[in-house]
C-alpha atoms as a PDB file:
ATOM      1  CA  MET A   1     122.055 107.994  94.621  1.00  0.00           C
ATOM      2  CA  THR A   2     118.999 107.175  93.988  1.00  0.00           C
ATOM      3  CA  ALA A   3     116.973 104.642  96.372  1.00  0.00           C
ATOM      4  CA  VAL A   4     115.018 101.796  94.735  1.00  0.00           C
ATOM      5  CA  LEU A   5     113.537  99.174  96.792  1.00  0.00           C
ATOM      6  CA  VAL A   6     112.461  96.052  94.343  1.00  0.00           C
ATOM      7  CA  ILE A   7     109.253  94.555  95.958  1.00  0.00           C
ATOM      8  CA  ASP A   8     108.576  90.697  94.062  1.00  0.00           C
ATOM      9  CA  ASP A   9     108.233  87.695  95.913  1.00  0.00           C
ATOM     10  CA  HIS A  10     110.059  85.566  93.155  1.00  0.00           C
ATOM     11  CA  GLN A  11     113.970  85.500  94.404  1.00  0.00           C
ATOM     12  CA  LEU A  12     115.730  85.177  91.277  1.00  0.00           C
ATOM     13  CA  VAL A  13     113.667  87.797  89.201  1.00  0.00           C
ATOM     14  CA  ALA A  14     114.110  90.421  92.650  1.00  0.00           C
ATOM     15  CA  SER A  15     117.907  89.600  92.514  1.00  0.00           C
ATOM     16  CA  GLY A  16     118.776  90.001  89.009  1.00  0.00           C
ATOM     17  CA  THR A  17     116.642  93.006  89.033  1.00  0.00           C
ATOM     18  CA  LYS A  18     118.948  94.667  91.185  1.00  0.00           C
ATOM     19  CA  SER A  19     121.961  93.231  90.307  1.00  0.00           C
ATOM     20  CA  VAL A  20     121.134  94.940  87.051  1.00  0.00           C
ATOM     21  CA  LEU A  21     120.472  98.836  88.721  1.00  0.00           C
ATOM     22  CA  ILE A  22     122.940  98.286  91.102  1.00  0.00           C
ATOM     23  CA  LYS A  23     125.128  98.355  87.694  1.00  0.00           C
ATOM     24  CA  ALA A  24     123.275 101.052  86.513  1.00  0.00           C
ATOM     25  CA  GLY A  25     123.996 103.517  89.261  1.00  0.00           C
ATOM     26  CA  PHE A  26     121.063 102.604  91.532  1.00  0.00           C
ATOM     27  CA  ASP A  27     121.311 102.230  95.316  1.00  0.00           C
ATOM     28  CA  CYS A  28     118.727  98.700  95.693  1.00  0.00           C
ATOM     29  CA  ASP A  29     117.110  96.836  97.899  1.00  0.00           C
ATOM     30  CA  THR A  30     114.651  93.799  97.546  1.00  0.00           C
ATOM     31  CA  LEU A  31     111.954  92.826  99.831  1.00  0.00           C
ATOM     32  CA  ALA A  32     109.646  89.735  98.903  1.00  0.00           C
ATOM     33  CA  SER A  33     106.498  91.015 100.429  1.00  0.00           C
ATOM     34  CA  ALA A  34     104.641  93.929 100.904  1.00  0.00           C
ATOM     35  CA  ARG A  35     103.696  93.442 104.118  1.00  0.00           C
ATOM     36  CA  SER A  36     106.532  95.126 105.740  1.00  0.00           C
ATOM     37  CA  VAL A  37     107.182  97.805 102.849  1.00  0.00           C
ATOM     38  CA  VAL A  38     105.980 100.429 105.441  1.00  0.00           C
ATOM     39  CA  SER A  39     108.636  99.799 108.216  1.00  0.00           C
ATOM     40  CA  TYR A  40     111.258  99.368 105.478  1.00  0.00           C
ATOM     41  CA  MET A  41     109.989 103.044 105.017  1.00  0.00           C
ATOM     42  CA  ASP A  42     110.144 104.086 107.950  1.00  0.00           C
ATOM     43  CA  ARG A  43     114.044 102.965 107.765  1.00  0.00           C
ATOM     44  CA  LYS A  44     115.416 104.691 104.538  1.00  0.00           C
ATOM     45  CA  HIS A  45     114.203 106.843 101.956  1.00  0.00           C
ATOM     46  CA  TYR A  46     113.317 105.185  98.644  1.00  0.00           C
ATOM     47  CA  ASP A  47     113.094 107.347  95.818  1.00  0.00           C
ATOM     48  CA  LEU A  48     111.428 104.524  93.825  1.00  0.00           C
ATOM     49  CA  TYR A  49     109.424 101.509  94.422  1.00  0.00           C
ATOM     50  CA  LEU A  50     109.586  98.835  91.637  1.00  0.00           C
ATOM     51  CA  VAL A  51     106.327  96.833  92.777  1.00  0.00           C
ATOM     52  CA  ASP A  52     105.289  92.729  91.078  1.00  0.00           C
ATOM     53  CA  LEU A  53     101.748  92.804  90.176  1.00  0.00           C
ATOM     54  CA  ASN A  54     100.809  89.337  91.373  1.00  0.00           C
ATOM     55  CA  MET A  55     101.676  88.230  94.856  1.00  0.00           C
ATOM     56  CA  PRO A  56     100.338  85.606  96.690  1.00  0.00           C
ATOM     57  CA  ASP A  57      99.573  87.864  99.876  1.00  0.00           C
ATOM     58  CA  ILE A  58      99.512  91.390  98.704  1.00  0.00           C
ATOM     59  CA  ASP A  59      99.128  92.358  95.335  1.00  0.00           C
ATOM     60  CA  GLY A  60     101.093  95.215  93.526  1.00  0.00           C
ATOM     61  CA  MET A  61      97.992  97.466  93.449  1.00  0.00           C
ATOM     62  CA  GLU A  62      97.364  96.908  97.451  1.00  0.00           C
ATOM     63  CA  ALA A  63     101.153  97.485  98.162  1.00  0.00           C
ATOM     64  CA  ALA A  64     100.951 100.696  95.970  1.00  0.00           C
ATOM     65  CA  GLU A  65      98.350 102.136  98.198  1.00  0.00           C
ATOM     66  CA  ARG A  66     100.651 101.184 101.045  1.00  0.00           C
ATOM     67  CA  ILE A  67     103.415 102.789  99.886  1.00  0.00           C
ATOM     68  CA  LEU A  68     101.374 105.953  98.733  1.00  0.00           C
ATOM     69  CA  ASP A  69      99.625 106.281 101.607  1.00  0.00           C
ATOM     70  CA  THR A  70     102.864 106.696 103.725  1.00  0.00           C
ATOM     71  CA  ASP A  71     104.397 108.878 101.189  1.00  0.00           C
ATOM     72  CA  ALA A  72     102.118 110.406  98.411  1.00  0.00           C
ATOM     73  CA  ASP A  73     105.348 111.638  96.439  1.00  0.00           C
ATOM     74  CA  ALA A  74     106.631 108.054  96.151  1.00  0.00           C
ATOM     75  CA  LYS A  75     107.138 107.023  92.678  1.00  0.00           C
ATOM     76  CA  VAL A  76     105.485 103.570  92.591  1.00  0.00           C
ATOM     77  CA  ILE A  77     105.914 101.453  89.171  1.00  0.00           C
ATOM     78  CA  ILE A  78     103.942  98.440  88.519  1.00  0.00           C
ATOM     79  CA  TYR A  79     106.755  95.405  87.367  1.00  0.00           C
ATOM     80  CA  THR A  80     105.278  92.570  85.605  1.00  0.00           C
ATOM     81  CA  GLY A  81     105.472  89.540  83.445  1.00  0.00           C
ATOM     82  CA  TYR A  82     102.335  90.060  81.852  1.00  0.00           C
ATOM     83  CA  GLU A  83     101.433  93.359  80.590  1.00  0.00           C
ATOM     84  CA  THR A  84      97.699  92.843  79.176  1.00  0.00           C
ATOM     85  CA  GLU A  85      97.071  92.085  82.666  1.00  0.00           C
ATOM     86  CA  ILE A  86      97.333  95.675  83.321  1.00  0.00           C
ATOM     87  CA  GLU A  87      94.280  97.306  80.867  1.00  0.00           C
ATOM     88  CA  PRO A  88      91.341  96.962  82.999  1.00  0.00           C
ATOM     89  CA  LEU A  89      93.633  97.872  85.696  1.00  0.00           C
ATOM     90  CA  PHE A  90      95.335 100.923  84.135  1.00  0.00           C
ATOM     91  CA  GLY A  91      92.592 103.551  85.056  1.00  0.00           C
ATOM     92  CA  THR A  92      92.972 102.577  88.625  1.00  0.00           C
ATOM     93  CA  MET A  93      96.407 103.051  88.359  1.00  0.00           C
ATOM     94  CA  LEU A  94      96.355 106.530  87.396  1.00  0.00           C
ATOM     95  CA  ASP A  95      93.882 106.965  89.813  1.00  0.00           C
ATOM     96  CA  LYS A  96      95.900 106.054  92.552  1.00  0.00           C
ATOM     97  CA  GLY A  97      98.925 107.850  92.013  1.00  0.00           C
ATOM     98  CA  ILE A  98     101.372 104.603  90.165  1.00  0.00           C
ATOM     99  CA  SER A  99     103.698 106.045  87.726  1.00  0.00           C
ATOM    100  CA  GLY A 100     103.068 103.568  85.158  1.00  0.00           C
ATOM    101  CA  VAL A 101     104.469  99.890  84.481  1.00  0.00           C
ATOM    102  CA  ILE A 102     106.908  98.169  83.021  1.00  0.00           C
ATOM    103  CA  SER A 103     107.614  94.625  81.771  1.00  0.00           C
ATOM    104  CA  LYS A 104     109.759  92.029  83.303  1.00  0.00           C
ATOM    105  CA  SER A 105     111.068  91.296  79.949  1.00  0.00           C
ATOM    106  CA  ALA A 106     111.930  94.675  79.221  1.00  0.00           C
ATOM    107  CA  SER A 107     115.851  95.204  78.428  1.00  0.00           C
ATOM    108  CA  ILE A 108     118.619  96.851  80.769  1.00  0.00           C
ATOM    109  CA  GLU A 109     118.249 100.095  78.781  1.00  0.00           C
ATOM    110  CA  SER A 110     114.848 100.488  78.465  1.00  0.00           C
ATOM    111  CA  LEU A 111     114.336  99.967  82.323  1.00  0.00           C
ATOM    112  CA  VAL A 112     117.011 101.992  83.201  1.00  0.00           C
ATOM    113  CA  ALA A 113     115.403 104.430  80.659  1.00  0.00           C
ATOM    114  CA  SER A 114     111.868 103.919  82.434  1.00  0.00           C
ATOM    115  CA  LEU A 115     113.067 104.491  86.093  1.00  0.00           C
ATOM    116  CA  LYS A 116     114.922 107.863  85.157  1.00  0.00           C
ATOM    117  CA  ALA A 117     111.437 108.400  83.228  1.00  0.00           C
ATOM    118  CA  ALA A 118     109.197 108.029  85.764  1.00  0.00           C
ATOM    119  CA  LEU A 119     111.369 110.116  88.184  1.00  0.00           C
ATOM    120  CA  ARG A 120     111.315 113.049  86.280  1.00  0.00           C
ATOM    121  CA  ASP A 121     107.087 112.704  86.581  1.00  0.00           C
ATOM    122  CA  GLU A 122     106.645 111.207  83.290  1.00  0.00           C
ATOM    123  CA  VAL A 123     103.897 108.255  83.023  1.00  0.00           C
ATOM    124  CA  LEU A 124     105.195 104.696  81.487  1.00  0.00           C
ATOM    125  CA  VAL A 125     102.527 103.529  79.311  1.00  0.00           C
ATOM    126  CA  PRO A 126     103.363 100.053  77.295  1.00  0.00           C
ATOM    127  CA  MET A 127     102.885 100.709  73.336  1.00  0.00           C
ATOM    128  CA  TRP A 128     100.396  98.160  72.798  1.00  0.00           C
ATOM    129  CA  LEU A 129      98.003  99.908  75.696  1.00  0.00           C
ATOM    130  CA  PHE A 130      98.512 103.655  74.274  1.00  0.00           C
ATOM    131  CA  ARG A 131      96.910 102.385  71.268  1.00  0.00           C
ATOM    132  CA  LYS A 132      94.315 100.565  72.739  1.00  0.00           C
ATOM    133  CA  LEU A 133      93.377 104.194  74.692  1.00  0.00           C
ATOM    134  CA  ARG A 134      93.443 105.949  71.288  1.00  0.00           C
ATOM    135  CA  VAL A 135      91.414 103.440  70.399  1.00  0.00           C
ATOM    136  CA  GLY A 136      89.204 103.806  72.875  1.00  0.00           C
ATOM    137  CA  ASN A 137      88.728 107.323  72.721  1.00  0.00           C
ATOM    138  CA  ARG A 138      88.159 107.338  69.068  1.00  0.00           C
ATOM    139  CA  GLU A 139      84.881 105.170  69.815  1.00  0.00           C
ATOM    140  CA  GLU A 140      83.362 107.357  72.320  1.00  0.00           C
ATOM    141  CA  ASN A 141      83.560 110.140  70.087  1.00  0.00           C
ATOM    142  CA  GLY A 142      81.906 108.309  67.413  1.00  0.00           C
ATOM    143  CA  SER A 143      84.702 107.484  64.993  1.00  0.00           C
ATOM    144  CA  GLY A 144      83.237 103.679  64.657  1.00  0.00           C
ATOM    145  CA  PRO A 145      82.511 100.242  66.270  1.00  0.00           C
ATOM    146  CA  ALA A 146      84.499  99.235  69.570  1.00  0.00           C
ATOM    147  CA  PRO A 147      86.515  95.937  68.156  1.00  0.00           C
ATOM    148  CA  ASP A 148      85.948  92.317  70.662  1.00  0.00           C
ATOM    149  CA  PRO A 149      87.002  92.311  73.464  1.00  0.00           C
ATOM    150  CA  ARG A 150      90.089  90.429  74.214  1.00  0.00           C
ATOM    151  CA  PHE A 151      91.049  88.802  77.438  1.00  0.00           C
ATOM    152  CA  ASN A 152      94.240  87.993  78.346  1.00  0.00           C
ATOM    153  CA  GLN A 153      95.271  84.361  80.355  1.00  0.00           C
ATOM    154  CA  ILE A 154      94.057  85.653  84.168  1.00  0.00           C
ATOM    155  CA  GLU A 155      91.091  86.535  82.972  1.00  0.00           C
ATOM    156  CA  SER A 156      90.101  84.007  81.180  1.00  0.00           C
ATOM    157  CA  GLN A 157      91.216  81.688  84.170  1.00  0.00           C
ATOM    158  CA  ILE A 158      88.955  84.009  86.437  1.00  0.00           C
ATOM    159  CA  MET A 159      85.985  83.819  83.746  1.00  0.00           C
ATOM    160  CA  LEU A 160      85.659  80.165  83.601  1.00  0.00           C
ATOM    161  CA  GLY A 161      85.822  80.193  87.246  1.00  0.00           C
ATOM    162  CA  VAL A 162      82.892  82.196  87.071  1.00  0.00           C
ATOM    163  CA  ILE A 163      80.845  79.792  84.861  1.00  0.00           C
ATOM    164  CA  GLN A 164      81.805  77.143  87.216  1.00  0.00           C
ATOM    165  CA  GLY A 165      80.452  78.768  90.316  1.00  0.00           C
ATOM    166  CA  GLU A 166      83.740  79.368  92.247  1.00  0.00           C
ATOM    167  CA  THR A 167      83.256  82.284  95.175  1.00  0.00           C
ATOM    168  CA  ASN A 168      86.218  84.867  94.395  1.00  0.00           C
ATOM    169  CA  ARG A 169      87.815  83.317  97.423  1.00  0.00           C
ATOM    170  CA  GLU A 170      88.040  79.805  95.274  1.00  0.00           C
ATOM    171  CA  ILE A 171      89.193  81.630  92.730  1.00  0.00           C
ATOM    172  CA  ALA A 172      92.115  83.349  94.380  1.00  0.00           C
ATOM    173  CA  LYS A 173      93.205  80.055  95.807  1.00  0.00           C
ATOM    174  CA  ARG A 174      93.529  78.307  92.690  1.00  0.00           C
ATOM    175  CA  LEU A 175      95.184  80.992  90.929  1.00  0.00           C
ATOM    176  CA  LEU A 176      97.532  81.579  93.870  1.00  0.00           C
ATOM    177  CA  VAL A 177      96.426  85.378  94.209  1.00  0.00           C
ATOM    178  CA  GLY A 178      94.952  87.575  96.704  1.00  0.00           C
ATOM    179  CA  GLN A 179      91.145  88.004  96.647  1.00  0.00           C
ATOM    180  CA  ARG A 180      90.915  91.675  95.701  1.00  0.00           C
ATOM    181  CA  THR A 181      92.838  91.202  92.768  1.00  0.00           C
ATOM    182  CA  VAL A 182      90.446  88.818  91.763  1.00  0.00           C
ATOM    183  CA  GLU A 183      87.797  91.237  92.427  1.00  0.00           C
ATOM    184  CA  LYS A 184      90.048  94.078  90.601  1.00  0.00           C
ATOM    185  CA  TYR A 185      90.224  91.466  87.629  1.00  0.00           C
ATOM    186  CA  LEU A 186      86.796  91.032  87.729  1.00  0.00           C
ATOM    187  CA  THR A 187      85.481  94.484  87.835  1.00  0.00           C
ATOM    188  CA  GLY A 188      87.842  94.581  84.346  1.00  0.00           C
ATOM    189  CA  ILE A 189      86.200  91.965  82.696  1.00  0.00           C
ATOM    190  CA  PHE A 190      82.483  93.683  83.182  1.00  0.00           C
ATOM    191  CA  GLN A 191      83.503  96.805  82.023  1.00  0.00           C
ATOM    192  CA  LYS A 192      85.062  94.628  78.680  1.00  0.00           C
ATOM    193  CA  LEU A 193      81.381  92.776  78.860  1.00  0.00           C
ATOM    194  CA  GLY A 194      79.460  96.309  79.579  1.00  0.00           C
ATOM    195  CA  VAL A 195      77.266  94.081  82.792  1.00  0.00           C
ATOM    196  CA  HIS A 196      76.893  94.818  85.983  1.00  0.00           C
ATOM    197  CA  SER A 197      76.978  90.513  87.363  1.00  0.00           C
ATOM    198  CA  ARG A 198      78.233  87.560  87.269  1.00  0.00           C
ATOM    199  CA  ILE A 199      74.950  86.337  85.627  1.00  0.00           C
ATOM    200  CA  GLU A 200      75.228  88.892  83.035  1.00  0.00           C
ATOM    201  CA  ALA A 201      78.845  88.729  82.333  1.00  0.00           C
ATOM    202  CA  ALA A 202      78.466  84.392  81.968  1.00  0.00           C
ATOM    203  CA  ASN A 203      75.197  84.947  79.364  1.00  0.00           C
ATOM    204  CA  LYS A 204      77.000  87.216  77.143  1.00  0.00           C
ATOM    205  CA  MET A 205      80.369  84.900  77.149  1.00  0.00           C
ATOM    206  CA  LYS A 206      78.544  81.839  76.211  1.00  0.00           C
ATOM    207  CA  ALA A 207      76.439  83.794  73.850  1.00  0.00           C
ATOM    208  CA  LYS A 208      79.476  85.870  71.993  1.00  0.00           C
ATOM    209  CA  GLY A 209      81.370  82.463  72.551  1.00  0.00           C
ATOM    210  CA  TYR A 210      84.333  84.600  74.116  1.00  0.00           C
ATOM    211  CA  LEU A 211      84.088  81.232  76.508  1.00  0.00           C
ATOM    212  CA  LEU A 212      85.101  78.863  74.341  1.00  0.00           C
ATOM    213  CA  ASN A 213      88.331  80.871  73.604  1.00  0.00           C
ATOM    214  CA  ALA A 214      88.957  81.682  76.982  1.00  0.00           C
ATOM    215  CA  TYR A 215      88.620  77.245  77.353  1.00  0.00           C
ATOM    216  CA  LYS A 216      91.059  77.035  74.757  1.00  0.00           C
ATOM    217  CA  LYS A 217      93.559  79.974  75.886  1.00  0.00           C
ATOM    218  CA  THR A 218      93.902  77.992  79.352  1.00  0.00           C
ATOM    219  CA  LYS A 219      93.896  74.436  77.987  1.00  0.00           C
ATOM    220  CA  ARG A 220      91.482  73.388  80.618  1.00  0.00           C
ATOM    221  CA  ARG A 221      88.833  71.153  80.655  1.00  0.00           C
ATOM    222  CA  PHE A 222      85.205  70.796  82.082  1.00  0.00           C
END
C-alpha cells in the first residue's frame, strides 16, 4: 500500500486530506509541522509527501529540502491553496527535485490522479503555469514582447512591506510566514521586475504603477 505523509499546520485540511486518501486506498499519516519530519522518516517509509507551502515555522520549500536530503528518492508535492504563489518558486522547486504542485481546491479525483502521476515520476504543473512557461519560452526566442508581470496577494503584501521599509523579518512576522519564505518571494519579485535590489524594485513599482495595483489587491492603506 502506498504510504503518504501530509504535512500541514491546518488541522482541518490535514485531517480531511487524510480521510480522502485513506478512502482512495492510500496509507496516510499527518504531521502539523515539518520540524519532526526526519524522525518520522526514521520510523516509517513514505512513498510520497504532500507538503503545505506556507507554514509558520518551516515552510514547504525548506521541508522539502529536509525530506530530500534524508531520502533523495522521495516524491515531494507542494500542497497549496494559492497556486499563483508557485510561479516565482517553480524553477527552484524543480532544481530541488520537488515533483510539482497540487491545489487544495482540487477535486478528489484530481488529487488522487496527481498523486499517482507523481509516483510515476511525472511532474505536476498547473495549466495556467504551463501556459505562462510556454509564453516565457516564446519571449526568450524573440516571438514578441514580454507582458507586464502579475503579482499575487502575498507578493503584493511583501512589495508593500518593501516600500514601507520593513525588514524581511518584520514582513514575515506580519504575514505569519517564515523569513526564508519572504526571501524566496523577494527573489521572484526581483526576477519579475528585472531588478537586483529593494531600491530598484521600489522605483520600478512606482514608475509602472504596480504599487497602486498592490494596494488594491491587499486592500491596505498607507
